[in-house]
């Protein structure tokens, strides 16, 4: 993971930890209950860097979240975004 960009590292972690149980997540979304600090630790990044990256994801429409609520990951859009990053070699 160390060679991947912040977007790739965090995006992959969100997809990996997204719960897509229809009782918990809206259709097409996965819910991630990890905190920014937990994501930072798993991605070997700082918590502020994770928060900035998640903010960028939110502005791009890849995720939705509010304080003290799970992160809702738009699964298909996140996968497409990560594929584009991978193809571009970013």
N, C-alpha and C. Protein backbone atom coordinates (compact mmCIF):
# COMPACT_ATOMS: atom_id res chain seq x y z
N UNK A 1 0.81 -1.20 0.00
CA UNK A 1 0.00 0.00 0.00
C UNK A 1 0.85 1.25 0.00
N UNK A 2 2.07 1.18 0.47
CA UNK A 2 2.90 2.38 0.62
C UNK A 2 3.15 3.09 -0.70
N UNK A 3 3.10 2.40 -1.81
CA UNK A 3 3.36 3.02 -3.12
C UNK A 3 2.12 3.66 -3.73
N UNK A 4 0.99 3.45 -3.16
CA UNK A 4 -0.25 3.97 -3.70
C UNK A 4 -0.49 5.39 -3.20
N UNK A 5 -1.24 6.17 -3.99
CA UNK A 5 -1.58 7.54 -3.59
C UNK A 5 -2.53 7.50 -2.40
N UNK A 6 -2.68 8.63 -1.74
CA UNK A 6 -3.61 8.72 -0.61
C UNK A 6 -5.02 8.36 -1.06
N UNK A 7 -5.43 8.85 -2.21
CA UNK A 7 -6.77 8.54 -2.72
C UNK A 7 -6.95 7.04 -2.90
N UNK A 8 -5.97 6.39 -3.48
CA UNK A 8 -6.06 4.94 -3.69
C UNK A 8 -6.09 4.19 -2.37
N UNK A 9 -5.21 4.56 -1.45
CA UNK A 9 -5.13 3.85 -0.18
C UNK A 9 -6.44 3.96 0.59
N UNK A 10 -6.95 5.17 0.70
CA UNK A 10 -8.17 5.37 1.48
C UNK A 10 -9.37 4.81 0.73
N UNK A 11 -9.43 5.01 -0.57
CA UNK A 11 -10.53 4.46 -1.37
C UNK A 11 -10.62 2.95 -1.26
N UNK A 12 -9.48 2.29 -1.35
CA UNK A 12 -9.46 0.83 -1.24
C UNK A 12 -9.89 0.38 0.15
N UNK A 13 -9.43 1.08 1.18
CA UNK A 13 -9.84 0.73 2.54
C UNK A 13 -11.34 0.91 2.73
N UNK A 14 -11.88 2.00 2.20
CA UNK A 14 -13.32 2.23 2.33
C UNK A 14 -14.11 1.11 1.65
N UNK A 15 -13.69 0.72 0.45
CA UNK A 15 -14.38 -0.37 -0.25
C UNK A 15 -14.25 -1.69 0.52
N UNK A 16 -13.07 -1.93 1.06
CA UNK A 16 -12.83 -3.16 1.80
C UNK A 16 -13.70 -3.26 3.05
N UNK A 17 -13.93 -2.14 3.71
CA UNK A 17 -14.66 -2.14 4.98
C UNK A 17 -16.12 -1.72 4.85
N UNK A 18 -16.58 -1.51 3.63
CA UNK A 18 -17.96 -1.07 3.43
C UNK A 18 -18.93 -2.22 3.64
N UNK A 19 -19.89 -2.01 4.52
CA UNK A 19 -20.94 -2.99 4.78
C UNK A 19 -22.10 -2.69 3.83
N UNK A 20 -22.38 -3.62 2.94
CA UNK A 20 -23.43 -3.40 1.93
C UNK A 20 -24.73 -4.11 2.30
N UNK A 21 -24.87 -4.52 3.53
CA UNK A 21 -26.10 -5.15 4.00
C UNK A 21 -27.27 -4.20 3.73
N UNK A 22 -28.27 -4.62 2.95
CA UNK A 22 -29.37 -3.72 2.60
C UNK A 22 -30.15 -3.20 3.81
N UNK A 23 -30.04 -3.87 4.94
CA UNK A 23 -30.72 -3.37 6.14
C UNK A 23 -29.97 -2.18 6.75
N UNK A 24 -28.68 -2.04 6.38
CA UNK A 24 -27.85 -0.99 6.96
C UNK A 24 -27.50 0.12 5.96
N UNK A 25 -27.47 -0.21 4.68
CA UNK A 25 -26.97 0.73 3.68
C UNK A 25 -28.01 0.95 2.58
N UNK A 26 -28.14 2.19 2.10
CA UNK A 26 -29.01 2.44 0.95
C UNK A 26 -28.49 1.68 -0.27
N UNK A 27 -29.35 1.39 -1.20
CA UNK A 27 -28.97 0.66 -2.41
C UNK A 27 -27.81 1.39 -3.12
N UNK A 28 -26.77 0.63 -3.46
CA UNK A 28 -25.62 1.18 -4.16
C UNK A 28 -24.55 1.76 -3.24
N UNK A 29 -24.82 1.75 -1.94
CA UNK A 29 -23.87 2.31 -0.97
C UNK A 29 -23.39 1.22 -0.03
N UNK A 30 -22.23 1.46 0.54
CA UNK A 30 -21.70 0.65 1.62
C UNK A 30 -21.43 1.58 2.79
N UNK A 31 -21.66 1.11 3.98
CA UNK A 31 -21.47 1.93 5.16
C UNK A 31 -20.18 1.54 5.88
N UNK A 32 -19.37 2.54 6.19
CA UNK A 32 -18.11 2.32 6.89
C UNK A 32 -18.22 3.00 8.25
N UNK A 33 -18.05 2.23 9.30
CA UNK A 33 -18.21 2.76 10.64
C UNK A 33 -16.88 3.14 11.30
N UNK A 34 -15.80 3.05 10.59
CA UNK A 34 -14.50 3.41 11.16
C UNK A 34 -14.36 4.93 11.26
N UNK A 35 -13.62 5.36 12.27
CA UNK A 35 -13.36 6.79 12.45
C UNK A 35 -12.22 7.21 11.54
N UNK A 36 -12.03 8.52 11.41
CA UNK A 36 -10.91 9.04 10.62
C UNK A 36 -9.59 8.53 11.20
N UNK A 37 -9.50 8.47 12.51
CA UNK A 37 -8.27 7.99 13.15
C UNK A 37 -8.01 6.53 12.83
N UNK A 38 -9.06 5.71 12.84
CA UNK A 38 -8.90 4.29 12.53
C UNK A 38 -8.51 4.09 11.07
N UNK A 39 -9.10 4.88 10.19
CA UNK A 39 -8.74 4.81 8.77
C UNK A 39 -7.29 5.23 8.59
N UNK A 40 -6.89 6.29 9.28
CA UNK A 40 -5.51 6.78 9.20
C UNK A 40 -4.52 5.71 9.64
N UNK A 41 -4.82 5.04 10.73
CA UNK A 41 -3.93 4.00 11.22
C UNK A 41 -3.83 2.86 10.20
N UNK A 42 -4.94 2.43 9.65
CA UNK A 42 -4.95 1.33 8.67
C UNK A 42 -4.22 1.72 7.39
N UNK A 43 -4.28 3.00 7.01
CA UNK A 43 -3.65 3.47 5.77
C UNK A 43 -2.23 3.97 5.98
N UNK A 44 -1.75 3.95 7.23
CA UNK A 44 -0.42 4.46 7.58
C UNK A 44 -0.28 5.93 7.17
N UNK A 45 -1.30 6.71 7.55
CA UNK A 45 -1.34 8.14 7.23
C UNK A 45 -1.71 8.90 8.49
N UNK A 46 -1.64 10.23 8.43
CA UNK A 46 -2.08 11.03 9.56
C UNK A 46 -3.60 11.23 9.48
N UNK A 47 -4.22 11.46 10.63
CA UNK A 47 -5.65 11.69 10.65
C UNK A 47 -6.04 12.94 9.86
N UNK A 48 -5.28 14.06 9.98
CA UNK A 48 -5.64 15.22 9.16
C UNK A 48 -5.58 14.95 7.66
N UNK A 49 -4.60 14.15 7.22
CA UNK A 49 -4.50 13.82 5.80
C UNK A 49 -5.71 13.00 5.36
N UNK A 50 -6.14 12.09 6.20
CA UNK A 50 -7.33 11.29 5.90
C UNK A 50 -8.55 12.20 5.80
N UNK A 51 -8.69 13.14 6.75
CA UNK A 51 -9.84 14.04 6.73
C UNK A 51 -9.87 14.89 5.46
N UNK A 52 -8.71 15.37 5.03
CA UNK A 52 -8.64 16.16 3.79
C UNK A 52 -9.04 15.29 2.60
N UNK A 53 -8.54 14.07 2.55
CA UNK A 53 -8.85 13.16 1.44
C UNK A 53 -10.34 12.81 1.44
N UNK A 54 -10.91 12.55 2.61
CA UNK A 54 -12.33 12.25 2.67
C UNK A 54 -13.17 13.45 2.24
N UNK A 55 -12.72 14.65 2.59
CA UNK A 55 -13.41 15.85 2.13
C UNK A 55 -13.39 15.97 0.62
N UNK A 56 -12.25 15.62 0.01
CA UNK A 56 -12.15 15.63 -1.45
C UNK A 56 -13.09 14.59 -2.06
N UNK A 57 -13.15 13.40 -1.45
CA UNK A 57 -14.07 12.36 -1.91
C UNK A 57 -15.52 12.85 -1.82
N UNK A 58 -15.84 13.54 -0.74
CA UNK A 58 -17.20 14.04 -0.56
C UNK A 58 -17.55 15.05 -1.65
N UNK A 59 -16.62 15.96 -1.94
CA UNK A 59 -16.88 16.96 -2.99
C UNK A 59 -17.03 16.31 -4.37
N UNK A 60 -16.38 15.19 -4.59
CA UNK A 60 -16.50 14.47 -5.87
C UNK A 60 -17.74 13.58 -5.92
N UNK A 61 -18.47 13.49 -4.83
CA UNK A 61 -19.67 12.67 -4.80
C UNK A 61 -19.41 11.19 -4.61
N UNK A 62 -18.23 10.84 -4.10
CA UNK A 62 -17.88 9.43 -3.90
C UNK A 62 -18.36 8.91 -2.55
N UNK A 63 -18.49 9.80 -1.58
CA UNK A 63 -18.92 9.42 -0.23
C UNK A 63 -19.86 10.49 0.31
N UNK A 64 -20.57 10.12 1.37
CA UNK A 64 -21.39 11.05 2.14
C UNK A 64 -21.11 10.77 3.61
N UNK A 65 -20.96 11.81 4.38
CA UNK A 65 -20.84 11.60 5.83
C UNK A 65 -21.07 12.89 6.58
N UNK A 66 -21.40 12.71 7.85
CA UNK A 66 -21.55 13.79 8.81
C UNK A 66 -20.89 13.34 10.11
N UNK A 67 -20.67 14.28 10.97
CA UNK A 67 -20.07 13.93 12.27
C UNK A 67 -20.89 12.86 12.97
N UNK A 68 -20.17 11.92 13.57
CA UNK A 68 -20.76 10.87 14.40
C UNK A 68 -21.71 9.96 13.62
N UNK A 69 -21.56 9.89 12.31
CA UNK A 69 -22.35 8.98 11.49
C UNK A 69 -21.40 8.16 10.62
N UNK A 70 -21.83 6.98 10.20
CA UNK A 70 -20.98 6.17 9.31
C UNK A 70 -20.75 6.90 7.98
N UNK A 71 -19.67 6.53 7.33
CA UNK A 71 -19.37 7.05 6.00
C UNK A 71 -20.12 6.19 4.99
N UNK A 72 -20.92 6.83 4.14
CA UNK A 72 -21.65 6.12 3.09
C UNK A 72 -20.82 6.21 1.81
N UNK A 73 -20.33 5.06 1.35
CA UNK A 73 -19.49 5.00 0.16
C UNK A 73 -20.36 4.60 -1.03
N UNK A 74 -20.32 5.42 -2.07
CA UNK A 74 -21.03 5.07 -3.30
C UNK A 74 -20.13 4.07 -4.05
N UNK A 75 -20.44 2.81 -3.89
CA UNK A 75 -19.56 1.71 -4.30
C UNK A 75 -19.12 1.80 -5.76
N UNK A 76 -20.05 1.87 -6.69
CA UNK A 76 -19.71 1.86 -8.11
C UNK A 76 -18.88 3.09 -8.50
N UNK A 77 -19.25 4.25 -7.99
CA UNK A 77 -18.50 5.47 -8.31
C UNK A 77 -17.08 5.40 -7.76
N UNK A 78 -16.92 4.87 -6.54
CA UNK A 78 -15.59 4.75 -5.95
C UNK A 78 -14.74 3.78 -6.76
N UNK A 79 -15.30 2.66 -7.14
CA UNK A 79 -14.54 1.70 -7.96
C UNK A 79 -14.10 2.32 -9.27
N UNK A 80 -15.00 3.01 -9.93
CA UNK A 80 -14.67 3.67 -11.19
C UNK A 80 -13.57 4.71 -10.99
N UNK A 81 -13.67 5.50 -9.94
CA UNK A 81 -12.65 6.52 -9.64
C UNK A 81 -11.29 5.86 -9.42
N UNK A 82 -11.24 4.78 -8.66
CA UNK A 82 -9.98 4.10 -8.39
C UNK A 82 -9.41 3.46 -9.66
N UNK A 83 -10.27 2.93 -10.51
CA UNK A 83 -9.81 2.36 -11.78
C UNK A 83 -9.17 3.45 -12.64
N UNK A 84 -9.80 4.62 -12.68
CA UNK A 84 -9.25 5.72 -13.46
C UNK A 84 -7.90 6.17 -12.91
N UNK A 85 -7.77 6.23 -11.60
CA UNK A 85 -6.49 6.58 -10.99
C UNK A 85 -5.42 5.57 -11.37
N UNK A 86 -5.79 4.30 -11.31
CA UNK A 86 -4.85 3.23 -11.62
C UNK A 86 -4.39 3.29 -13.07
N UNK A 87 -5.34 3.54 -14.00
CA UNK A 87 -4.99 3.64 -15.42
C UNK A 87 -4.11 4.84 -15.69
N UNK A 88 -4.37 5.93 -14.98
CA UNK A 88 -3.60 7.16 -15.19
C UNK A 88 -2.23 7.07 -14.53
N UNK A 89 -2.05 6.09 -13.66
CA UNK A 89 -0.76 5.93 -12.99
C UNK A 89 -0.53 7.00 -11.94
N UNK A 90 -1.59 7.57 -11.40
CA UNK A 90 -1.47 8.61 -10.38
C UNK A 90 -1.33 8.01 -9.01
